[in-house]
PDB file of N, CA and C in Angstrom:
ATOM      1  N   MET A   1       0.609  -1.309  -0.054  1.00  0.00           N
ATOM      2  CA  MET A   1       0.066   0.159   0.166  1.00  0.00           C
ATOM      3  C   MET A   1       0.910   1.264   0.078  1.00  0.00           C
ATOM      4  N   THR A   2       0.488   2.399  -0.662  1.00  0.00           N
ATOM      5  CA  THR A   2       1.297   3.574  -0.808  1.00  0.00           C
ATOM      6  C   THR A   2       0.999   4.240   0.033  1.00  0.00           C
ATOM      7  N   GLN A   3       1.765   5.058   0.467  1.00  0.00           N
ATOM      8  CA  GLN A   3       1.329   6.036   1.552  1.00  0.00           C
ATOM      9  C   GLN A   3       1.273   7.662   1.032  1.00  0.00           C
ATOM     10  N   GLU A   4       0.198   8.215   1.279  1.00  0.00           N
ATOM     11  CA  GLU A   4       0.021   9.599   0.703  1.00  0.00           C
ATOM     12  C   GLU A   4       0.970  10.494   1.131  1.00  0.00           C
ATOM     13  N   THR A   5       1.422  11.624  -0.009  1.00  0.00           N
ATOM     14  CA  THR A   5       2.453  12.633   0.602  1.00  0.00           C
ATOM     15  C   THR A   5       1.639  13.710   0.766  1.00  0.00           C
ATOM     16  N   SER A   6       1.743  14.501   2.050  1.00  0.00           N
ATOM     17  CA  SER A   6       1.138  15.756   1.986  1.00  0.00           C
ATOM     18  C   SER A   6       2.179  16.925   1.843  1.00  0.00           C
ATOM     19  N   TYR A   7       1.509  17.901   1.547  1.00  0.00           N
ATOM     20  CA  TYR A   7       2.334  19.224   0.717  1.00  0.00           C
ATOM     21  C   TYR A   7       2.047  20.316   1.829  1.00  0.00           C
ATOM     22  N   THR A   8       3.213  21.200   1.805  1.00  0.00           N
ATOM     23  CA  THR A   8       3.048  22.628   2.473  1.00  0.00           C
ATOM     24  C   THR A   8       3.072  23.435   1.698  1.00  0.00           C
ATOM     25  N   VAL A   9       2.270  24.434   1.608  1.00  0.00           N
ATOM     26  CA  VAL A   9       2.357  25.830   0.623  1.00  0.00           C
ATOM     27  C   VAL A   9       3.077  26.596   1.392  1.00  0.00           C
ATOM     28  N   HIS A  10       4.169  27.559   0.722  1.00  0.00           N
ATOM     29  CA  HIS A  10       4.937  28.448   1.119  1.00  0.00           C
ATOM     30  C   HIS A  10       5.080  29.447   0.250  1.00  0.00           C
ATOM     31  N   CYS A  11       4.678  30.740   0.689  1.00  0.00           N
ATOM     32  CA  CYS A  11       4.625  31.955  -0.499  1.00  0.00           C
ATOM     33  C   CYS A  11       5.863  33.076   0.258  1.00  0.00           C
ATOM     34  N   ASP A  12       6.712  33.411  -0.394  1.00  0.00           N
ATOM     35  CA  ASP A  12       7.705  34.180  -0.205  1.00  0.00           C
ATOM     36  C   ASP A  12       7.699  35.433  -0.999  1.00  0.00           C
ATOM     37  N   LEU A  13       6.444  35.809  -1.010  1.00  0.00           N
ATOM     38  CA  LEU A  13       6.313  37.295  -1.764  1.00  0.00           C
ATOM     39  C   LEU A  13       6.474  38.398  -0.866  1.00  0.00           C
ATOM     40  N   THR A  14       7.383  39.326  -1.178  1.00  0.00           N
ATOM     41  CA  THR A  14       7.550  40.735  -0.462  1.00  0.00           C
ATOM     42  C   THR A  14       6.995  41.631  -1.269  1.00  0.00           C
ATOM     43  N   PHE A  15       6.919  42.918  -0.553  1.00  0.00           N
ATOM     44  CA  PHE A  15       6.356  44.122  -1.046  1.00  0.00           C
ATOM     45  C   PHE A  15       7.519  44.318  -2.106  1.00  0.00           C
ATOM     46  N   GLY A  16       8.680  44.286  -1.955  1.00  0.00           N
ATOM     47  CA  GLY A  16       9.707  44.491  -2.695  1.00  0.00           C
ATOM     48  C   GLY A  16       9.691  44.053  -4.211  1.00  0.00           C
ATOM     49  N   ASP A  17       8.954  42.571  -4.473  1.00  0.00           N
ATOM     50  CA  ASP A  17       8.803  41.927  -5.730  1.00  0.00           C
ATOM     51  C   ASP A  17       7.678  43.007  -6.354  1.00  0.00           C
ATOM     52  N   ILE A  18       6.756  43.490  -5.820  1.00  0.00           N
ATOM     53  CA  ILE A  18       5.794  43.915  -6.615  1.00  0.00           C
ATOM     54  C   ILE A  18       6.014  45.681  -6.627  1.00  0.00           C
ATOM     55  N   TYR A  19       6.740  46.254  -6.080  1.00  0.00           N
ATOM     56  CA  TYR A  19       6.876  47.611  -5.807  1.00  0.00           C
ATOM     57  C   TYR A  19       6.972  48.431  -7.179  1.00  0.00           C
ATOM     58  N   LEU A  20       7.685  47.962  -7.962  1.00  0.00           N
ATOM     59  CA  LEU A  20       7.993  48.562  -9.306  1.00  0.00           C
ATOM     60  C   LEU A  20       6.559  48.579 -10.128  1.00  0.00           C
ATOM     61  N   GLN A  21       6.058  47.386 -10.070  1.00  0.00           N
ATOM     62  CA  GLN A  21       4.691  47.359 -10.752  1.00  0.00           C
ATOM     63  C   GLN A  21       3.451  48.186 -10.078  1.00  0.00           C
ATOM     64  N   VAL A  22       3.578  48.455  -8.544  1.00  0.00           N
ATOM     65  CA  VAL A  22       2.740  49.442  -8.274  1.00  0.00           C
ATOM     66  C   VAL A  22       2.929  50.745  -8.565  1.00  0.00           C
ATOM     67  N   LEU A  23       4.365  51.158  -8.684  1.00  0.00           N
ATOM     68  CA  LEU A  23       4.954  52.336  -9.250  1.00  0.00           C
ATOM     69  C   LEU A  23       4.477  52.806 -10.860  1.00  0.00           C
ATOM     70  N   ALA A  24       4.485  51.679 -11.368  1.00  0.00           N
ATOM     71  CA  ALA A  24       4.451  51.873 -12.839  1.00  0.00           C
ATOM     72  C   ALA A  24       2.790  52.101 -13.200  1.00  0.00           C
ATOM     73  N   TRP A  25       1.938  51.216 -12.422  1.00  0.00           N
ATOM     74  CA  TRP A  25       0.698  51.642 -12.437  1.00  0.00           C
ATOM     75  C   TRP A  25       0.001  52.945 -12.068  1.00  0.00           C
ATOM     76  N   MET A  26       0.487  53.307 -10.867  1.00  0.00           N
ATOM     77  CA  MET A  26       0.434  54.711 -10.380  1.00  0.00           C
ATOM     78  C   MET A  26       1.025  56.058 -11.443  1.00  0.00           C
ATOM     79  N   ALA A  27       2.002  55.708 -12.042  1.00  0.00           N
ATOM     80  CA  ALA A  27       2.392  56.492 -13.123  1.00  0.00           C
ATOM     81  C   ALA A  27       1.375  56.558 -14.183  1.00  0.00           C
ATOM     82  N   VAL A  28       0.954  55.386 -14.771  1.00  0.00           N
ATOM     83  CA  VAL A  28      -0.175  55.271 -15.724  1.00  0.00           C
ATOM     84  C   VAL A  28      -1.483  56.362 -15.212  1.00  0.00           C
ATOM     85  N   ILE A  29      -1.927  55.922 -13.878  1.00  0.00           N
ATOM     86  CA  ILE A  29      -2.967  56.671 -13.693  1.00  0.00           C
ATOM     87  C   ILE A  29      -2.684  58.137 -13.547  1.00  0.00           C
ATOM     88  N   PHE A  30      -1.735  58.604 -13.044  1.00  0.00           N
ATOM     89  CA  PHE A  30      -1.289  59.869 -12.878  1.00  0.00           C
ATOM     90  C   PHE A  30      -1.245  60.435 -14.481  1.00  0.00           C
ATOM     91  N   VAL A  31      -0.634  59.904 -15.281  1.00  0.00           N
ATOM     92  CA  VAL A  31      -0.415  60.390 -16.499  1.00  0.00           C
ATOM     93  C   VAL A  31      -1.963  60.414 -17.512  1.00  0.00           C
ATOM     94  N   SER A  32      -2.918  59.433 -17.111  1.00  0.00           N
ATOM     95  CA  SER A  32      -4.055  59.814 -17.725  1.00  0.00           C
ATOM     96  C   SER A  32      -4.966  60.780 -17.056  1.00  0.00           C
ATOM     97  N   LEU A  33      -4.542  60.760 -15.852  1.00  0.00           N
ATOM     98  CA  LEU A  33      -5.494  61.837 -15.069  1.00  0.00           C
ATOM     99  C   LEU A  33      -4.970  63.207 -15.665  1.00  0.00           C
ATOM    100  N   ALA A  34      -3.842  63.283 -15.851  1.00  0.00           N
ATOM    101  CA  ALA A  34      -3.059  64.879 -16.435  1.00  0.00           C
ATOM    102  C   ALA A  34      -3.672  65.168 -17.422  1.00  0.00           C
ATOM    103  N   ALA A  35      -3.924  64.043 -18.527  1.00  0.00           N
ATOM    104  CA  ALA A  35      -4.357  64.053 -19.640  1.00  0.00           C
ATOM    105  C   ALA A  35      -5.744  64.406 -19.738  1.00  0.00           C
ATOM    106  N   GLY A  36      -6.256  64.036 -18.768  1.00  0.00           N
ATOM    107  CA  GLY A  36      -8.082  64.308 -18.896  1.00  0.00           C
ATOM    108  C   GLY A  36      -8.214  65.588 -18.559  1.00  0.00           C
ATOM    109  N   LEU A  37      -7.326  66.096 -17.270  1.00  0.00           N
ATOM    110  CA  LEU A  37      -7.459  67.294 -16.865  1.00  0.00           C
ATOM    111  C   LEU A  37      -6.897  68.594 -17.689  1.00  0.00           C
ATOM    112  N   GLY A  38      -6.074  68.237 -18.821  1.00  0.00           N
ATOM    113  CA  GLY A  38      -5.687  68.935 -19.803  1.00  0.00           C
ATOM    114  C   GLY A  38      -6.606  68.943 -21.041  1.00  0.00           C
ATOM    115  N   LEU A  39      -7.448  68.114 -21.127  1.00  0.00           N
ATOM    116  CA  LEU A  39      -8.589  67.912 -22.246  1.00  0.00           C
ATOM    117  C   LEU A  39      -9.701  68.348 -21.663  1.00  0.00           C
ATOM    118  N   MET A  40      -9.888  68.740 -20.228  1.00  0.00           N
ATOM    119  CA  MET A  40     -11.234  69.052 -19.682  1.00  0.00           C
ATOM    120  C   MET A  40     -11.356  70.826 -20.232  1.00  0.00           C
ATOM    121  N   GLY A  41     -10.258  71.433 -20.709  1.00  0.00           N
ATOM    122  CA  GLY A  41     -10.411  72.822 -20.887  1.00  0.00           C
ATOM    123  C   GLY A  41     -10.965  72.692 -22.190  1.00  0.00           C
ATOM    124  N   SER A  42     -10.772  71.629 -23.184  1.00  0.00           N
ATOM    125  CA  SER A  42     -11.278  71.632 -24.499  1.00  0.00           C
ATOM    126  C   SER A  42     -12.759  71.868 -24.677  1.00  0.00           C
ATOM    127  N   SER A  43     -13.377  71.890 -25.868  1.00  0.00           N
ATOM    128  CA  SER A  43     -14.663  72.209 -26.043  1.00  0.00           C
ATOM    129  C   SER A  43     -15.494  70.959 -26.082  1.00  0.00           C
ATOM    130  N   LYS A  44     -14.734  69.768 -25.834  1.00  0.00           N
ATOM    131  CA  LYS A  44     -15.612  68.486 -25.498  1.00  0.00           C
ATOM    132  C   LYS A  44     -15.167  67.920 -24.373  1.00  0.00           C
ATOM    133  N   PRO A  45     -15.365  68.348 -23.256  1.00  0.00           N
ATOM    134  CA  PRO A  45     -14.925  67.497 -21.876  1.00  0.00           C
ATOM    135  C   PRO A  45     -15.249  65.922 -21.935  1.00  0.00           C
ATOM    136  N   LEU A  46     -16.211  65.464 -22.711  1.00  0.00           N
ATOM    137  CA  LEU A  46     -16.336  63.886 -22.845  1.00  0.00           C
ATOM    138  C   LEU A  46     -15.576  63.234 -22.987  1.00  0.00           C
ATOM    139  N   PHE A  47     -14.368  63.851 -24.266  1.00  0.00           N
ATOM    140  CA  PHE A  47     -13.330  62.998 -24.673  1.00  0.00           C
ATOM    141  C   PHE A  47     -12.540  62.806 -23.255  1.00  0.00           C
ATOM    142  N   ALA A  48     -12.161  63.961 -22.367  1.00  0.00           N
ATOM    143  CA  ALA A  48     -11.435  63.633 -21.059  1.00  0.00           C
ATOM    144  C   ALA A  48     -12.054  62.500 -20.356  1.00  0.00           C
ATOM    145  N   LEU A  49     -13.061  62.197 -20.305  1.00  0.00           N
ATOM    146  CA  LEU A  49     -13.350  61.130 -19.315  1.00  0.00           C
ATOM    147  C   LEU A  49     -13.618  60.014 -19.997  1.00  0.00           C
ATOM    148  N   VAL A  50     -13.872  59.969 -21.525  1.00  0.00           N
ATOM    149  CA  VAL A  50     -13.626  58.471 -22.156  1.00  0.00           C
ATOM    150  C   VAL A  50     -12.236  58.327 -22.244  1.00  0.00           C
ATOM    151  N   GLY A  51     -11.403  59.088 -22.189  1.00  0.00           N
ATOM    152  CA  GLY A  51      -9.871  58.864 -22.367  1.00  0.00           C
ATOM    153  C   GLY A  51      -9.300  58.355 -21.235  1.00  0.00           C
ATOM    154  N   VAL A  52      -9.504  58.815 -20.064  1.00  0.00           N
ATOM    155  CA  VAL A  52      -9.191  58.528 -18.824  1.00  0.00           C
ATOM    156  C   VAL A  52      -9.754  56.867 -18.536  1.00  0.00           C
ATOM    157  N   GLY A  53     -10.924  56.667 -18.779  1.00  0.00           N
ATOM    158  CA  GLY A  53     -11.655  55.582 -18.454  1.00  0.00           C
ATOM    159  C   GLY A  53     -11.122  54.313 -19.404  1.00  0.00           C
ATOM    160  N   LEU A  54     -10.824  54.894 -20.558  1.00  0.00           N
ATOM    161  CA  LEU A  54     -10.306  53.874 -21.697  1.00  0.00           C
ATOM    162  C   LEU A  54      -8.679  53.305 -21.052  1.00  0.00           C
ATOM    163  N   ILE A  55      -8.065  54.510 -20.708  1.00  0.00           N
ATOM    164  CA  ILE A  55      -6.505  54.002 -20.259  1.00  0.00           C
ATOM    165  C   ILE A  55      -6.794  53.275 -19.144  1.00  0.00           C
ATOM    166  N   LEU A  56      -7.589  53.602 -18.069  1.00  0.00           N
ATOM    167  CA  LEU A  56      -7.590  52.876 -17.005  1.00  0.00           C
ATOM    168  C   LEU A  56      -7.981  51.253 -17.188  1.00  0.00           C
ATOM    169  N   VAL A  57      -9.099  51.378 -17.948  1.00  0.00           N
ATOM    170  CA  VAL A  57      -9.796  49.977 -18.304  1.00  0.00           C
ATOM    171  C   VAL A  57      -8.606  49.064 -18.982  1.00  0.00           C
ATOM    172  N   LEU A  58      -7.788  49.690 -20.016  1.00  0.00           N
ATOM    173  CA  LEU A  58      -7.201  48.992 -20.985  1.00  0.00           C
ATOM    174  C   LEU A  58      -5.541  48.482 -19.993  1.00  0.00           C
ATOM    175  N   SER A  59      -5.244  49.300 -19.105  1.00  0.00           N
ATOM    176  CA  SER A  59      -3.959  49.021 -18.377  1.00  0.00           C
ATOM    177  C   SER A  59      -4.377  48.071 -17.332  1.00  0.00           C
ATOM    178  N   LEU A  60      -5.490  47.928 -16.166  1.00  0.00           N
ATOM    179  CA  LEU A  60      -5.634  46.971 -15.474  1.00  0.00           C
ATOM    180  C   LEU A  60      -5.632  45.517 -15.775  1.00  0.00           C
ATOM    181  N   PRO A  61      -5.984  45.019 -16.958  1.00  0.00           N
ATOM    182  CA  PRO A  61      -5.831  43.367 -17.464  1.00  0.00           C
ATOM    183  C   PRO A  61      -3.913  43.383 -17.224  1.00  0.00           C
ATOM    184  N   PHE A  62      -3.423  44.322 -17.586  1.00  0.00           N
ATOM    185  CA  PHE A  62      -1.764  44.234 -17.692  1.00  0.00           C
ATOM    186  C   PHE A  62      -1.712  44.168 -16.467  1.00  0.00           C
ATOM    187  N   LEU A  63      -1.741  45.094 -15.324  1.00  0.00           N
ATOM    188  CA  LEU A  63      -1.470  44.984 -13.832  1.00  0.00           C
ATOM    189  C   LEU A  63      -2.114  43.700 -13.148  1.00  0.00           C
ATOM    190  N   LEU A  64      -3.222  43.307 -13.612  1.00  0.00           N
ATOM    191  CA  LEU A  64      -3.325  41.841 -13.162  1.00  0.00           C
ATOM    192  C   LEU A  64      -2.381  40.710 -13.318  1.00  0.00           C
ATOM    193  N   PHE A  65      -2.310  40.684 -14.912  1.00  0.00           N
ATOM    194  CA  PHE A  65      -1.515  39.617 -15.054  1.00  0.00           C
ATOM    195  C   PHE A  65      -0.177  39.661 -14.396  1.00  0.00           C
ATOM    196  N   ALA A  66       0.433  40.921 -14.336  1.00  0.00           N
ATOM    197  CA  ALA A  66       1.676  41.038 -13.698  1.00  0.00           C
ATOM    198  C   ALA A  66       1.661  40.581 -12.024  1.00  0.00           C
ATOM    199  N   PHE A  67       0.543  41.053 -11.569  1.00  0.00           N
ATOM    200  CA  PHE A  67       0.684  40.561 -10.238  1.00  0.00           C
ATOM    201  C   PHE A  67       0.436  39.049  -9.920  1.00  0.00           C
ATOM    202  N   VAL A  68      -0.669  38.514 -10.904  1.00  0.00           N
ATOM    203  CA  VAL A  68      -0.851  37.092 -10.641  1.00  0.00           C
ATOM    204  C   VAL A  68       0.301  36.233 -11.023  1.00  0.00           C
ATOM    205  N   THR A  69       1.079  36.623 -12.158  1.00  0.00           N
ATOM    206  CA  THR A  69       2.333  35.919 -12.467  1.00  0.00           C
ATOM    207  C   THR A  69       3.419  36.094 -11.306  1.00  0.00           C
ATOM    208  N   THR A  70       3.670  37.474 -10.767  1.00  0.00           N
ATOM    209  CA  THR A  70       4.700  37.409  -9.684  1.00  0.00           C
ATOM    210  C   THR A  70       4.390  36.830  -8.840  1.00  0.00           C
ATOM    211  N   LEU A  71       2.932  36.605  -8.226  1.00  0.00           N
ATOM    212  CA  LEU A  71       2.628  35.468  -7.197  1.00  0.00           C
ATOM    213  C   LEU A  71       2.733  34.402  -7.234  1.00  0.00           C
ATOM    214  N   LEU A  72       2.362  33.767  -8.365  1.00  0.00           N
ATOM    215  CA  LEU A  72       2.438  32.563  -8.604  1.00  0.00           C
ATOM    216  C   LEU A  72       4.078  31.954  -8.863  1.00  0.00           C
ATOM    217  N   ASN A  73       4.694  32.918  -9.371  1.00  0.00           N
ATOM    218  CA  ASN A  73       6.265  32.579  -9.248  1.00  0.00           C
ATOM    219  C   ASN A  73       7.029  32.217  -7.881  1.00  0.00           C
ATOM    220  N   HIS A  74       6.185  32.879  -6.940  1.00  0.00           N
ATOM    221  CA  HIS A  74       6.836  32.777  -5.509  1.00  0.00           C
ATOM    222  C   HIS A  74       6.053  32.044  -4.541  1.00  0.00           C
ATOM    223  N   ILE A  75       4.948  31.190  -5.131  1.00  0.00           N
ATOM    224  CA  ILE A  75       4.351  30.088  -4.318  1.00  0.00           C
ATOM    225  C   ILE A  75       5.226  28.650  -4.579  1.00  0.00           C
ATOM    226  N   GLN A  76       5.482  28.115  -3.669  1.00  0.00           N
ATOM    227  CA  GLN A  76       6.101  26.911  -3.429  1.00  0.00           C
ATOM    228  C   GLN A  76       5.263  25.592  -2.703  1.00  0.00           C
ATOM    229  N   LEU A  77       5.289  24.583  -3.339  1.00  0.00           N
ATOM    230  CA  LEU A  77       4.982  23.521  -2.910  1.00  0.00           C
ATOM    231  C   LEU A  77       5.964  22.341  -2.516  1.00  0.00           C
ATOM    232  N   ALA A  78       6.011  21.806  -1.071  1.00  0.00           N
ATOM    233  CA  ALA A  78       7.143  21.269  -0.639  1.00  0.00           C
ATOM    234  C   ALA A  78       6.504  20.040  -0.072  1.00  0.00           C
ATOM    235  N   PRO A  79       6.949  18.836  -0.116  1.00  0.00           N
ATOM    236  CA  PRO A  79       6.292  17.659   0.593  1.00  0.00           C
ATOM    237  C   PRO A  79       6.693  17.971   1.688  1.00  0.00           C
ATOM    238  N   ARG A  80       5.814  17.642   2.716  1.00  0.00           N
ATOM    239  CA  ARG A  80       5.783  17.682   4.162  1.00  0.00           C
ATOM    240  C   ARG A  80       6.922  16.720   4.721  1.00  0.00           C
ATOM    241  N   LYS A  81       7.735  16.889   5.395  1.00  0.00           N
ATOM    242  CA  LYS A  81       8.389  15.791   6.286  1.00  0.00           C
ATOM    243  C   LYS A  81       7.873  15.178   7.103  1.00  0.00           C
ATOM    244  N   THR A  82       7.987  13.958   7.214  1.00  0.00           N
ATOM    245  CA  THR A  82       7.353  12.988   8.078  1.00  0.00           C
ATOM    246  C   THR A  82       8.389  12.343   9.330  1.00  0.00           C
ATOM    247  N   ASP A  83       7.942  12.257  10.342  1.00  0.00           N
ATOM    248  CA  ASP A  83       9.221  11.769  11.385  1.00  0.00           C
ATOM    249  C   ASP A  83       8.860  10.221  11.458  1.00  0.00           C
TER     250      ASP A  83
END
């Protein structure tokens, strides 16, 4: 009869691993808001709202992909040691 192996899950993700990703997305937010404020003074402020929304909606999947792949790279499964 075979003995079942149990596993432990260990995640060694630190804030330093995602720090640049957070800064990059904050830069995208600030640039889109600055562009939106710049377009607010134009004759069609609806373009400003659409532009900011479009930039945020299009950048969110890339942010989530970066976070998820970074997280998955830091998860380890190791067989539990039995005494």
